[in-house]
PDB file of all heavy atoms in Angstrom:
ATOM      1  N   ASN A   1      16.075  10.989 -55.783  1.00  0.00           N
ATOM      2  CA  ASN A   1      17.436  11.039 -56.466  1.00  0.00           C
ATOM      3  C   ASN A   1      18.052   9.596 -56.334  1.00  0.00           C
ATOM      4  O   ASN A   1      18.660   9.172 -57.241  1.00  0.00           O
ATOM      5  CB  ASN A   1      18.211  12.135 -55.788  1.00  0.00           C
ATOM      6  CG  ASN A   1      19.534  12.311 -56.556  1.00  0.00           C
ATOM      7  OD1 ASN A   1      20.346  11.352 -56.520  1.00  0.00           O
ATOM      8  ND2 ASN A   1      19.932  13.509 -56.888  1.00  0.00           N
ATOM      9  N   LYS A   2      18.000   9.128 -55.153  1.00  0.00           N
ATOM     10  CA  LYS A   2      18.746   7.858 -54.832  1.00  0.00           C
ATOM     11  C   LYS A   2      18.146   6.712 -55.665  1.00  0.00           C
ATOM     12  O   LYS A   2      18.912   5.903 -56.239  1.00  0.00           O
ATOM     13  CB  LYS A   2      18.542   7.497 -53.244  1.00  0.00           C
ATOM     14  CG  LYS A   2      19.189   6.193 -52.860  1.00  0.00           C
ATOM     15  CD  LYS A   2      19.169   6.077 -51.326  1.00  0.00           C
ATOM     16  CE  LYS A   2      19.843   4.721 -51.027  1.00  0.00           C
ATOM     17  NZ  LYS A   2      19.675   4.429 -49.705  1.00  0.00           N
ATOM     18  N   GLN A   3      16.771   6.676 -55.761  1.00  0.00           N
ATOM     19  CA  GLN A   3      16.170   5.644 -56.648  1.00  0.00           C
ATOM     20  C   GLN A   3      16.634   5.716 -58.046  1.00  0.00           C
ATOM     21  O   GLN A   3      16.934   4.713 -58.723  1.00  0.00           O
ATOM     22  CB  GLN A   3      14.591   5.777 -56.471  1.00  0.00           C
ATOM     23  CG  GLN A   3      14.066   5.294 -55.124  1.00  0.00           C
ATOM     24  CD  GLN A   3      12.505   5.680 -55.132  1.00  0.00           C
ATOM     25  OE1 GLN A   3      12.211   6.798 -55.325  1.00  0.00           O
ATOM     26  NE2 GLN A   3      11.734   4.643 -54.775  1.00  0.00           N
ATOM     27  N   ILE A   4      16.647   6.933 -58.598  1.00  0.00           N
ATOM     28  CA  ILE A   4      16.976   7.147 -60.028  1.00  0.00           C
ATOM     29  C   ILE A   4      18.516   6.738 -60.124  1.00  0.00           C
ATOM     30  O   ILE A   4      18.901   5.998 -61.050  1.00  0.00           O
ATOM     31  CB  ILE A   4      16.890   8.670 -60.453  1.00  0.00           C
ATOM     32  CG1 ILE A   4      15.335   8.939 -60.454  1.00  0.00           C
ATOM     33  CG2 ILE A   4      17.428   8.786 -61.792  1.00  0.00           C
ATOM     34  CD1 ILE A   4      15.217  10.494 -60.634  1.00  0.00           C
ATOM     35  N   SER A   5      19.327   7.014 -59.129  1.00  0.00           N
ATOM     36  CA  SER A   5      20.696   6.688 -59.206  1.00  0.00           C
ATOM     37  C   SER A   5      20.905   5.204 -59.267  1.00  0.00           C
ATOM     38  O   SER A   5      21.665   4.669 -59.973  1.00  0.00           O
ATOM     39  CB  SER A   5      21.326   7.330 -57.962  1.00  0.00           C
ATOM     40  OG  SER A   5      22.733   6.818 -57.740  1.00  0.00           O
ATOM     41  N   GLU A   6      20.078   4.575 -58.405  1.00  0.00           N
ATOM     42  CA  GLU A   6      20.290   3.039 -58.377  1.00  0.00           C
ATOM     43  C   GLU A   6      19.815   2.319 -59.637  1.00  0.00           C
ATOM     44  O   GLU A   6      20.372   1.409 -60.150  1.00  0.00           O
ATOM     45  CB  GLU A   6      19.409   2.515 -57.212  1.00  0.00           C
ATOM     46  CG  GLU A   6      20.167   2.828 -55.739  1.00  0.00           C
ATOM     47  CD  GLU A   6      19.174   2.485 -54.579  1.00  0.00           C
ATOM     48  OE1 GLU A   6      18.036   2.136 -54.915  1.00  0.00           O
ATOM     49  OE2 GLU A   6      19.630   2.729 -53.454  1.00  0.00           O
ATOM     50  N   VAL A   7      18.635   2.895 -60.126  1.00  0.00           N
ATOM     51  CA  VAL A   7      18.187   2.215 -61.395  1.00  0.00           C
ATOM     52  C   VAL A   7      19.140   2.476 -62.567  1.00  0.00           C
ATOM     53  O   VAL A   7      19.351   1.653 -63.390  1.00  0.00           O
ATOM     54  CB  VAL A   7      16.924   2.970 -61.781  1.00  0.00           C
ATOM     55  CG1 VAL A   7      16.284   2.509 -63.162  1.00  0.00           C
ATOM     56  CG2 VAL A   7      15.724   2.401 -60.825  1.00  0.00           C
ATOM     57  N   LEU A   8      19.639   3.680 -62.731  1.00  0.00           N
ATOM     58  CA  LEU A   8      20.539   4.040 -63.791  1.00  0.00           C
ATOM     59  C   LEU A   8      21.983   3.655 -63.637  1.00  0.00           C
ATOM     60  O   LEU A   8      22.776   3.668 -64.413  1.00  0.00           O
ATOM     61  CB  LEU A   8      20.458   5.602 -64.073  1.00  0.00           C
ATOM     62  CG  LEU A   8      19.258   6.287 -64.511  1.00  0.00           C
ATOM     63  CD1 LEU A   8      19.407   7.673 -64.688  1.00  0.00           C
ATOM     64  CD2 LEU A   8      18.714   5.555 -65.676  1.00  0.00           C
ATOM     65  N   GLU A   9      22.260   3.261 -62.347  1.00  0.00           N
ATOM     66  CA  GLU A   9      23.635   2.830 -61.994  1.00  0.00           C
ATOM     67  C   GLU A   9      24.608   4.000 -62.275  1.00  0.00           C
ATOM     68  O   GLU A   9      25.637   3.764 -62.896  1.00  0.00           O
ATOM     69  CB  GLU A   9      24.091   1.598 -62.614  1.00  0.00           C
ATOM     70  CG  GLU A   9      23.203   0.316 -62.290  1.00  0.00           C
ATOM     71  CD  GLU A   9      23.545  -0.875 -62.941  1.00  0.00           C
ATOM     72  OE1 GLU A   9      24.204  -0.886 -64.043  1.00  0.00           O
ATOM     73  OE2 GLU A   9      23.205  -1.942 -62.417  1.00  0.00           O
ATOM     74  N   VAL A  10      24.318   5.177 -61.788  1.00  0.00           N
ATOM     75  CA  VAL A  10      25.081   6.359 -61.815  1.00  0.00           C
ATOM     76  C   VAL A  10      25.171   7.054 -60.517  1.00  0.00           C
ATOM     77  O   VAL A  10      24.245   6.833 -59.751  1.00  0.00           O
ATOM     78  CB  VAL A  10      24.603   7.373 -62.988  1.00  0.00           C
ATOM     79  CG1 VAL A  10      24.620   6.789 -64.420  1.00  0.00           C
ATOM     80  CG2 VAL A  10      23.226   7.995 -62.717  1.00  0.00           C
ATOM     81  N   SER A  11      26.058   8.124 -60.398  1.00  0.00           N
ATOM     82  CA  SER A  11      26.021   8.793 -59.083  1.00  0.00           C
ATOM     83  C   SER A  11      24.874   9.670 -58.927  1.00  0.00           C
ATOM     84  O   SER A  11      24.242  10.139 -59.921  1.00  0.00           O
ATOM     85  CB  SER A  11      27.407   9.562 -59.019  1.00  0.00           C
ATOM     86  OG  SER A  11      27.304  10.555 -59.922  1.00  0.00           O
ATOM     87  N   GLN A  12      24.626  10.035 -57.712  1.00  0.00           N
ATOM     88  CA  GLN A  12      23.482  11.025 -57.289  1.00  0.00           C
ATOM     89  C   GLN A  12      23.781  12.388 -57.968  1.00  0.00           C
ATOM     90  O   GLN A  12      22.927  13.098 -58.448  1.00  0.00           O
ATOM     91  CB  GLN A  12      23.196  11.068 -55.914  1.00  0.00           C
ATOM     92  CG  GLN A  12      22.623   9.788 -55.359  1.00  0.00           C
ATOM     93  CD  GLN A  12      22.126   9.801 -53.892  1.00  0.00           C
ATOM     94  OE1 GLN A  12      21.829  10.824 -53.431  1.00  0.00           O
ATOM     95  NE2 GLN A  12      22.134   8.660 -53.186  1.00  0.00           N
ATOM     96  N   SER A  13      25.033  12.765 -58.028  1.00  0.00           N
ATOM     97  CA  SER A  13      25.393  13.965 -58.599  1.00  0.00           C
ATOM     98  C   SER A  13      25.069  13.976 -60.153  1.00  0.00           C
ATOM     99  O   SER A  13      24.675  14.960 -60.683  1.00  0.00           O
ATOM    100  CB  SER A  13      26.820  14.428 -58.320  1.00  0.00           C
ATOM    101  OG  SER A  13      27.768  13.560 -58.974  1.00  0.00           O
ATOM    102  N   GLU A  14      25.313  12.859 -60.787  1.00  0.00           N
ATOM    103  CA  GLU A  14      25.008  12.714 -62.241  1.00  0.00           C
ATOM    104  C   GLU A  14      23.445  12.846 -62.330  1.00  0.00           C
ATOM    105  O   GLU A  14      22.928  13.375 -63.274  1.00  0.00           O
ATOM    106  CB  GLU A  14      25.504  11.401 -62.708  1.00  0.00           C
ATOM    107  CG  GLU A  14      25.117  11.119 -64.177  1.00  0.00           C
ATOM    108  CD  GLU A  14      25.715  12.182 -65.177  1.00  0.00           C
ATOM    109  OE1 GLU A  14      26.761  12.833 -64.820  1.00  0.00           O
ATOM    110  OE2 GLU A  14      25.240  12.334 -66.325  1.00  0.00           O
ATOM    111  N   VAL A  15      22.654  12.264 -61.423  1.00  0.00           N
ATOM    112  CA  VAL A  15      21.247  12.394 -61.584  1.00  0.00           C
ATOM    113  C   VAL A  15      20.759  13.912 -61.315  1.00  0.00           C
ATOM    114  O   VAL A  15      19.985  14.294 -62.032  1.00  0.00           O
ATOM    115  CB  VAL A  15      20.554  11.532 -60.363  1.00  0.00           C
ATOM    116  CG1 VAL A  15      19.071  11.710 -60.306  1.00  0.00           C
ATOM    117  CG2 VAL A  15      20.698  10.033 -60.556  1.00  0.00           C
ATOM    118  N   ASN A  16      21.468  14.497 -60.435  1.00  0.00           N
ATOM    119  CA  ASN A  16      21.114  15.955 -60.179  1.00  0.00           C
ATOM    120  C   ASN A  16      21.424  16.702 -61.550  1.00  0.00           C
ATOM    121  O   ASN A  16      20.585  17.603 -61.999  1.00  0.00           O
ATOM    122  CB  ASN A  16      22.027  16.509 -59.138  1.00  0.00           C
ATOM    123  CG  ASN A  16      21.597  16.236 -57.763  1.00  0.00           C
ATOM    124  OD1 ASN A  16      20.441  15.931 -57.504  1.00  0.00           O
ATOM    125  ND2 ASN A  16      22.488  16.363 -56.799  1.00  0.00           N
ATOM    126  N   ASN A  17      22.399  16.359 -62.291  1.00  0.00           N
ATOM    127  CA  ASN A  17      22.778  16.993 -63.577  1.00  0.00           C
ATOM    128  C   ASN A  17      21.698  16.613 -64.613  1.00  0.00           C
ATOM    129  O   ASN A  17      21.158  17.618 -65.345  1.00  0.00           O
ATOM    130  CB  ASN A  17      24.144  16.475 -64.159  1.00  0.00           C
ATOM    131  CG  ASN A  17      25.260  17.182 -63.276  1.00  0.00           C
ATOM    132  OD1 ASN A  17      25.164  18.086 -62.632  1.00  0.00           O
ATOM    133  ND2 ASN A  17      26.363  16.495 -63.259  1.00  0.00           N
ATOM    134  N   LEU A  18      21.233  15.342 -64.663  1.00  0.00           N
ATOM    135  CA  LEU A  18      20.162  14.968 -65.540  1.00  0.00           C
ATOM    136  C   LEU A  18      18.887  15.697 -65.256  1.00  0.00           C
ATOM    137  O   LEU A  18      18.184  16.193 -66.149  1.00  0.00           O
ATOM    138  CB  LEU A  18      19.977  13.448 -65.398  1.00  0.00           C
ATOM    139  CG  LEU A  18      21.214  12.510 -65.970  1.00  0.00           C
ATOM    140  CD1 LEU A  18      20.902  11.149 -65.543  1.00  0.00           C
ATOM    141  CD2 LEU A  18      21.331  12.685 -67.545  1.00  0.00           C
ATOM    142  N   ILE A  19      18.406  15.699 -63.929  1.00  0.00           N
ATOM    143  CA  ILE A  19      17.367  16.416 -63.566  1.00  0.00           C
ATOM    144  C   ILE A  19      17.336  17.862 -63.949  1.00  0.00           C
ATOM    145  O   ILE A  19      16.381  18.513 -64.470  1.00  0.00           O
ATOM    146  CB  ILE A  19      17.021  16.348 -62.073  1.00  0.00           C
ATOM    147  CG1 ILE A  19      16.803  14.901 -61.648  1.00  0.00           C
ATOM    148  CG2 ILE A  19      15.916  17.307 -61.604  1.00  0.00           C
ATOM    149  CD1 ILE A  19      15.473  14.355 -62.139  1.00  0.00           C
ATOM    150  N   ASN A  20      18.503  18.630 -63.671  1.00  0.00           N
ATOM    151  CA  ASN A  20      18.616  19.917 -64.035  1.00  0.00           C
ATOM    152  C   ASN A  20      18.493  20.220 -65.533  1.00  0.00           C
ATOM    153  O   ASN A  20      17.995  21.257 -65.948  1.00  0.00           O
ATOM    154  CB  ASN A  20      19.921  20.538 -63.398  1.00  0.00           C
ATOM    155  CG  ASN A  20      19.911  20.720 -62.012  1.00  0.00           C
ATOM    156  OD1 ASN A  20      18.885  20.981 -61.370  1.00  0.00           O
ATOM    157  ND2 ASN A  20      21.030  20.576 -61.406  1.00  0.00           N
ATOM    158  N   GLU A  21      19.067  19.356 -66.320  1.00  0.00           N
ATOM    159  CA  GLU A  21      18.888  19.494 -67.798  1.00  0.00           C
ATOM    160  C   GLU A  21      17.503  19.287 -68.160  1.00  0.00           C
ATOM    161  O   GLU A  21      17.001  20.126 -69.046  1.00  0.00           O
ATOM    162  CB  GLU A  21      19.770  18.401 -68.523  1.00  0.00           C
ATOM    163  CG  GLU A  21      21.234  18.707 -68.467  1.00  0.00           C
ATOM    164  CD  GLU A  21      22.157  17.738 -69.190  1.00  0.00           C
ATOM    165  OE1 GLU A  21      21.636  17.050 -70.101  1.00  0.00           O
ATOM    166  OE2 GLU A  21      23.385  17.498 -68.835  1.00  0.00           O
ATOM    167  N   LEU A  22      16.698  18.408 -67.534  1.00  0.00           N
ATOM    168  CA  LEU A  22      15.358  18.334 -67.923  1.00  0.00           C
ATOM    169  C   LEU A  22      14.593  19.516 -67.508  1.00  0.00           C
ATOM    170  O   LEU A  22      13.720  19.974 -68.203  1.00  0.00           O
ATOM    171  CB  LEU A  22      14.794  16.982 -67.228  1.00  0.00           C
ATOM    172  CG  LEU A  22      15.171  15.631 -67.843  1.00  0.00           C
ATOM    173  CD1 LEU A  22      14.837  14.465 -66.995  1.00  0.00           C
ATOM    174  CD2 LEU A  22      14.536  15.490 -69.226  1.00  0.00           C
ATOM    175  N   ILE A  23      14.846  20.011 -66.363  1.00  0.00           N
ATOM    176  CA  ILE A  23      14.224  21.278 -65.837  1.00  0.00           C
ATOM    177  C   ILE A  23      14.466  22.349 -66.910  1.00  0.00           C
ATOM    178  O   ILE A  23      13.586  23.073 -67.302  1.00  0.00           O
ATOM    179  CB  ILE A  23      14.723  21.704 -64.418  1.00  0.00           C
ATOM    180  CG1 ILE A  23      14.135  20.741 -63.417  1.00  0.00           C
ATOM    181  CG2 ILE A  23      14.274  23.098 -64.132  1.00  0.00           C
ATOM    182  CD1 ILE A  23      14.697  20.744 -62.064  1.00  0.00           C
ATOM    183  N   ASP A  24      15.696  22.474 -67.461  1.00  0.00           N
ATOM    184  CA  ASP A  24      16.023  23.575 -68.255  1.00  0.00           C
ATOM    185  C   ASP A  24      15.329  23.319 -69.694  1.00  0.00           C
ATOM    186  O   ASP A  24      14.807  24.234 -70.242  1.00  0.00           O
ATOM    187  CB  ASP A  24      17.521  23.611 -68.619  1.00  0.00           C
ATOM    188  CG  ASP A  24      18.358  24.134 -67.478  1.00  0.00           C
ATOM    189  OD1 ASP A  24      17.774  24.775 -66.645  1.00  0.00           O
ATOM    190  OD2 ASP A  24      19.591  23.939 -67.365  1.00  0.00           O
ATOM    191  N   ASP A  25      15.170  22.093 -70.109  1.00  0.00           N
ATOM    192  CA  ASP A  25      14.528  21.593 -71.305  1.00  0.00           C
ATOM    193  C   ASP A  25      12.933  22.096 -71.262  1.00  0.00           C
ATOM    194  O   ASP A  25      12.399  22.718 -72.094  1.00  0.00           O
ATOM    195  CB  ASP A  25      14.578  20.116 -71.543  1.00  0.00           C
ATOM    196  CG  ASP A  25      15.897  19.741 -71.981  1.00  0.00           C
ATOM    197  OD1 ASP A  25      16.869  20.517 -72.252  1.00  0.00           O
ATOM    198  OD2 ASP A  25      16.063  18.526 -72.040  1.00  0.00           O
ATOM    199  N   TYR A  26      12.477  21.867 -70.069  1.00  0.00           N
ATOM    200  CA  TYR A  26      10.909  22.186 -69.894  1.00  0.00           C
ATOM    201  C   TYR A  26      10.755  23.621 -69.766  1.00  0.00           C
ATOM    202  O   TYR A  26       9.629  24.172 -70.304  1.00  0.00           O
ATOM    203  CB  TYR A  26      10.442  21.452 -68.668  1.00  0.00           C
ATOM    204  CG  TYR A  26      10.305  20.036 -68.759  1.00  0.00           C
ATOM    205  CD1 TYR A  26      10.668  19.069 -67.677  1.00  0.00           C
ATOM    206  CD2 TYR A  26       9.895  19.311 -69.905  1.00  0.00           C
ATOM    207  CE1 TYR A  26      10.494  17.736 -67.766  1.00  0.00           C
ATOM    208  CE2 TYR A  26       9.797  18.000 -70.097  1.00  0.00           C
ATOM    209  CZ  TYR A  26      10.112  17.123 -68.852  1.00  0.00           C
ATOM    210  OH  TYR A  26      10.060  15.842 -69.023  1.00  0.00           O
ATOM    211  N   ASP A  27      11.742  24.392 -69.386  1.00  0.00           N
ATOM    212  CA  ASP A  27      11.636  25.827 -69.271  1.00  0.00           C
ATOM    213  C   ASP A  27      11.856  26.516 -70.571  1.00  0.00           C
ATOM    214  O   ASP A  27      11.269  27.467 -70.918  1.00  0.00           O
ATOM    215  CB  ASP A  27      12.594  26.411 -68.271  1.00  0.00           C
ATOM    216  CG  ASP A  27      12.211  26.090 -66.818  1.00  0.00           C
ATOM    217  OD1 ASP A  27      10.915  25.779 -66.529  1.00  0.00           O
ATOM    218  OD2 ASP A  27      13.016  26.199 -65.855  1.00  0.00           O
ATOM    219  N   GLU A  28      12.824  26.006 -71.303  1.00  0.00           N
ATOM    220  CA  GLU A  28      13.206  26.573 -72.632  1.00  0.00           C
ATOM    221  C   GLU A  28      12.230  26.327 -73.705  1.00  0.00           C
ATOM    222  O   GLU A  28      11.908  27.164 -74.578  1.00  0.00           O
ATOM    223  CB  GLU A  28      14.541  26.096 -73.026  1.00  0.00           C
ATOM    224  CG  GLU A  28      15.685  26.655 -72.166  1.00  0.00           C
ATOM    225  CD  GLU A  28      17.168  26.107 -72.779  1.00  0.00           C
ATOM    226  OE1 GLU A  28      17.148  25.572 -73.874  1.00  0.00           O
ATOM    227  OE2 GLU A  28      17.981  26.154 -71.897  1.00  0.00           O
ATOM    228  N   ILE A  29      11.640  25.215 -73.734  1.00  0.00           N
ATOM    229  CA  ILE A  29      10.659  24.787 -74.737  1.00  0.00           C
ATOM    230  C   ILE A  29       9.237  25.053 -74.175  1.00  0.00           C
ATOM    231  O   ILE A  29       9.047  24.750 -72.970  1.00  0.00           O
ATOM    232  CB  ILE A  29      10.837  23.308 -75.133  1.00  0.00           C
ATOM    233  CG1 ILE A  29      12.283  23.120 -75.600  1.00  0.00           C
ATOM    234  CG2 ILE A  29       9.710  22.861 -76.151  1.00  0.00           C
ATOM    235  CD1 ILE A  29      12.541  21.544 -75.664  1.00  0.00           C
ATOM    236  N   ASP A  30       8.335  25.487 -75.002  1.00  0.00           N
ATOM    237  CA  ASP A  30       7.052  25.713 -74.528  1.00  0.00           C
ATOM    238  C   ASP A  30       6.381  24.378 -74.318  1.00  0.00           C
ATOM    239  O   ASP A  30       5.774  23.751 -75.221  1.00  0.00           O
ATOM    240  CB  ASP A  30       6.099  26.513 -75.621  1.00  0.00           C
ATOM    241  CG  ASP A  30       4.944  27.117 -75.041  1.00  0.00           C
ATOM    242  OD1 ASP A  30       4.810  26.985 -73.881  1.00  0.00           O
ATOM    243  OD2 ASP A  30       4.059  27.403 -75.898  1.00  0.00           O
ATOM    244  N   ARG A  31       6.592  23.893 -73.017  1.00  0.00           N
ATOM    245  CA  ARG A  31       5.959  22.569 -72.635  1.00  0.00           C
ATOM    246  C   ARG A  31       4.967  22.696 -71.671  1.00  0.00           C
ATOM    247  O   ARG A  31       4.851  23.810 -70.976  1.00  0.00           O
ATOM    248  CB  ARG A  31       7.082  21.757 -72.042  1.00  0.00           C
ATOM    249  CG  ARG A  31       8.210  21.508 -73.004  1.00  0.00           C
ATOM    250  CD  ARG A  31       8.126  20.477 -74.117  1.00  0.00           C
ATOM    251  NE  ARG A  31       7.843  19.228 -73.601  1.00  0.00           N
ATOM    252  CZ  ARG A  31       8.767  18.216 -73.421  1.00  0.00           C
ATOM    253  NH1 ARG A  31       9.928  18.507 -73.652  1.00  0.00           N
ATOM    254  NH2 ARG A  31       8.389  17.086 -73.043  1.00  0.00           N
ATOM    255  N   GLY A  32       3.993  21.717 -71.511  1.00  0.00           N
ATOM    256  CA  GLY A  32       2.887  21.787 -70.549  1.00  0.00           C
ATOM    257  C   GLY A  32       3.283  21.171 -69.203  1.00  0.00           C
ATOM    258  O   GLY A  32       2.555  21.244 -68.314  1.00  0.00           O
ATOM    259  N   ILE A  33       4.504  20.543 -69.092  1.00  0.00           N
ATOM    260  CA  ILE A  33       4.932  19.943 -67.795  1.00  0.00           C
ATOM    261  C   ILE A  33       6.104  20.507 -67.239  1.00  0.00           C
ATOM    262  O   ILE A  33       6.970  21.143 -67.968  1.00  0.00           O
ATOM    263  CB  ILE A  33       5.097  18.433 -67.976  1.00  0.00           C
ATOM    264  CG1 ILE A  33       6.038  18.090 -69.191  1.00  0.00           C
ATOM    265  CG2 ILE A  33       3.717  17.715 -68.299  1.00  0.00           C
ATOM    266  CD1 ILE A  33       6.388  16.585 -69.235  1.00  0.00           C
ATOM    267  N   LYS A  34       6.380  20.289 -66.017  1.00  0.00           N
ATOM    268  CA  LYS A  34       7.610  20.575 -65.511  1.00  0.00           C
ATOM    269  C   LYS A  34       7.994  19.684 -64.308  1.00  0.00           C
ATOM    270  O   LYS A  34       7.172  18.785 -63.991  1.00  0.00           O
ATOM    271  CB  LYS A  34       7.509  22.054 -64.778  1.00  0.00           C
ATOM    272  CG  LYS A  34       6.491  22.091 -63.567  1.00  0.00           C
ATOM    273  CD  LYS A  34       6.390  23.490 -63.042  1.00  0.00           C
ATOM    274  CE  LYS A  34       5.284  23.532 -61.816  1.00  0.00           C
ATOM    275  NZ  LYS A  34       5.341  24.693 -61.142  1.00  0.00           N
ATOM    276  N   ILE A  35       9.147  19.778 -63.803  1.00  0.00           N
ATOM    277  CA  ILE A  35       9.605  18.956 -62.679  1.00  0.00           C
ATOM    278  C   ILE A  35       9.410  19.590 -61.424  1.00  0.00           C
ATOM    279  O   ILE A  35       9.954  20.749 -61.227  1.00  0.00           O
ATOM    280  CB  ILE A  35      10.982  18.440 -62.971  1.00  0.00           C
ATOM    281  CG1 ILE A  35      11.063  17.545 -64.200  1.00  0.00           C
ATOM    282  CG2 ILE A  35      11.587  17.555 -61.651  1.00  0.00           C
ATOM    283  CD1 ILE A  35      12.622  17.087 -64.544  1.00  0.00           C
ATOM    284  N   SER A  36       8.691  19.099 -60.364  1.00  0.00           N
ATOM    285  CA  SER A  36       8.697  19.616 -59.146  1.00  0.00           C
ATOM    286  C   SER A  36       9.424  18.830 -58.154  1.00  0.00           C
ATOM    287  O   SER A  36       9.517  17.527 -58.311  1.00  0.00           O
ATOM    288  CB  SER A  36       7.274  19.713 -58.614  1.00  0.00           C
ATOM    289  OG  SER A  36       6.555  20.687 -59.509  1.00  0.00           O
ATOM    290  N   GLN A  37       9.790  19.362 -57.136  1.00  0.00           N
ATOM    291  CA  GLN A  37      10.591  18.585 -56.014  1.00  0.00           C
ATOM    292  C   GLN A  37       9.991  18.982 -54.684  1.00  0.00           C
ATOM    293  O   GLN A  37       9.806  20.135 -54.437  1.00  0.00           O
ATOM    294  CB  GLN A  37      12.111  18.974 -56.068  1.00  0.00           C
ATOM    295  CG  GLN A  37      12.912  18.284 -55.032  1.00  0.00           C
ATOM    296  CD  GLN A  37      14.403  18.710 -55.055  1.00  0.00           C
ATOM    297  OE1 GLN A  37      14.648  19.752 -55.712  1.00  0.00           O
ATOM    298  NE2 GLN A  37      15.274  17.965 -54.223  1.00  0.00           N
ATOM    299  N   SER A  38       9.809  17.956 -53.923  1.00  0.00           N
ATOM    300  CA  SER A  38       9.458  18.072 -52.440  1.00  0.00           C
ATOM    301  C   SER A  38      10.331  17.187 -51.622  1.00  0.00           C
ATOM    302  O   SER A  38      10.368  15.993 -51.798  1.00  0.00           O
ATOM    303  CB  SER A  38       7.989  17.809 -52.347  1.00  0.00           C
ATOM    304  OG  SER A  38       7.567  17.690 -50.890  1.00  0.00           O
ATOM    305  N   GLN A  39      11.178  17.883 -50.880  1.00  0.00           N
ATOM    306  CA  GLN A  39      12.272  17.108 -50.155  1.00  0.00           C
ATOM    307  C   GLN A  39      13.150  16.410 -51.124  1.00  0.00           C
ATOM    308  O   GLN A  39      13.674  17.168 -52.123  1.00  0.00           O
ATOM    309  CB  GLN A  39      11.664  16.134 -49.123  1.00  0.00           C
ATOM    310  CG  GLN A  39      10.849  16.698 -48.106  1.00  0.00           C
ATOM    311  CD  GLN A  39      10.144  15.825 -47.253  1.00  0.00           C
ATOM    312  OE1 GLN A  39      10.181  14.708 -47.330  1.00  0.00           O
ATOM    313  NE2 GLN A  39       9.373  16.437 -46.165  1.00  0.00           N
ATOM    314  N   ASP A  40      13.452  15.185 -51.173  1.00  0.00           N
ATOM    315  CA  ASP A  40      14.301  14.618 -52.220  1.00  0.00           C
ATOM    316  C   ASP A  40      13.508  13.916 -53.214  1.00  0.00           C
ATOM    317  O   ASP A  40      13.934  12.975 -53.921  1.00  0.00           O
ATOM    318  CB  ASP A  40      15.364  13.694 -51.518  1.00  0.00           C
ATOM    319  CG  ASP A  40      16.299  13.122 -52.439  1.00  0.00           C
ATOM    320  OD1 ASP A  40      16.752  13.882 -53.403  1.00  0.00           O
ATOM    321  OD2 ASP A  40      16.600  11.975 -52.321  1.00  0.00           O
ATOM    322  N   ILE A  41      12.213  14.096 -53.325  1.00  0.00           N
ATOM    323  CA  ILE A  41      11.338  13.376 -54.258  1.00  0.00           C
ATOM    324  C   ILE A  41      10.949  14.349 -55.452  1.00  0.00           C
ATOM    325  O   ILE A  41      10.537  15.429 -55.273  1.00  0.00           O
ATOM    326  CB  ILE A  41       9.967  12.909 -53.560  1.00  0.00           C
ATOM    327  CG1 ILE A  41      10.293  12.085 -52.367  1.00  0.00           C
ATOM    328  CG2 ILE A  41       9.147  12.193 -54.504  1.00  0.00           C
ATOM    329  CD1 ILE A  41      10.906  10.771 -52.655  1.00  0.00           C
ATOM    330  N   TYR A  42      11.080  13.806 -56.626  1.00  0.00           N
ATOM    331  CA  TYR A  42      10.812  14.561 -57.922  1.00  0.00           C
ATOM    332  C   TYR A  42       9.581  14.045 -58.561  1.00  0.00           C
ATOM    333  O   TYR A  42       9.286  12.806 -58.407  1.00  0.00           O
ATOM    334  CB  TYR A  42      12.038  14.313 -58.948  1.00  0.00           C
ATOM    335  CG  TYR A  42      13.292  14.960 -58.490  1.00  0.00           C
ATOM    336  CD1 TYR A  42      14.310  14.149 -57.945  1.00  0.00           C
ATOM    337  CD2 TYR A  42      13.574  16.363 -58.561  1.00  0.00           C
ATOM    338  CE1 TYR A  42      15.479  14.737 -57.382  1.00  0.00           C
ATOM    339  CE2 TYR A  42      14.725  16.919 -58.024  1.00  0.00           C
ATOM    340  CZ  TYR A  42      15.744  16.060 -57.616  1.00  0.00           C
ATOM    341  OH  TYR A  42      17.019  16.641 -57.149  1.00  0.00           O
TER     342      TYR A  42
END
């Protein structure tokens, strides 16, 4: 989350929102991939 935040120059909470939106996108659309998380690594 921190790396994404630094690259995008946005807050970590904004990164959480972006990740959650992507997770929802992958769940709603019949897609072959998903986002997994282990500790703070996506």
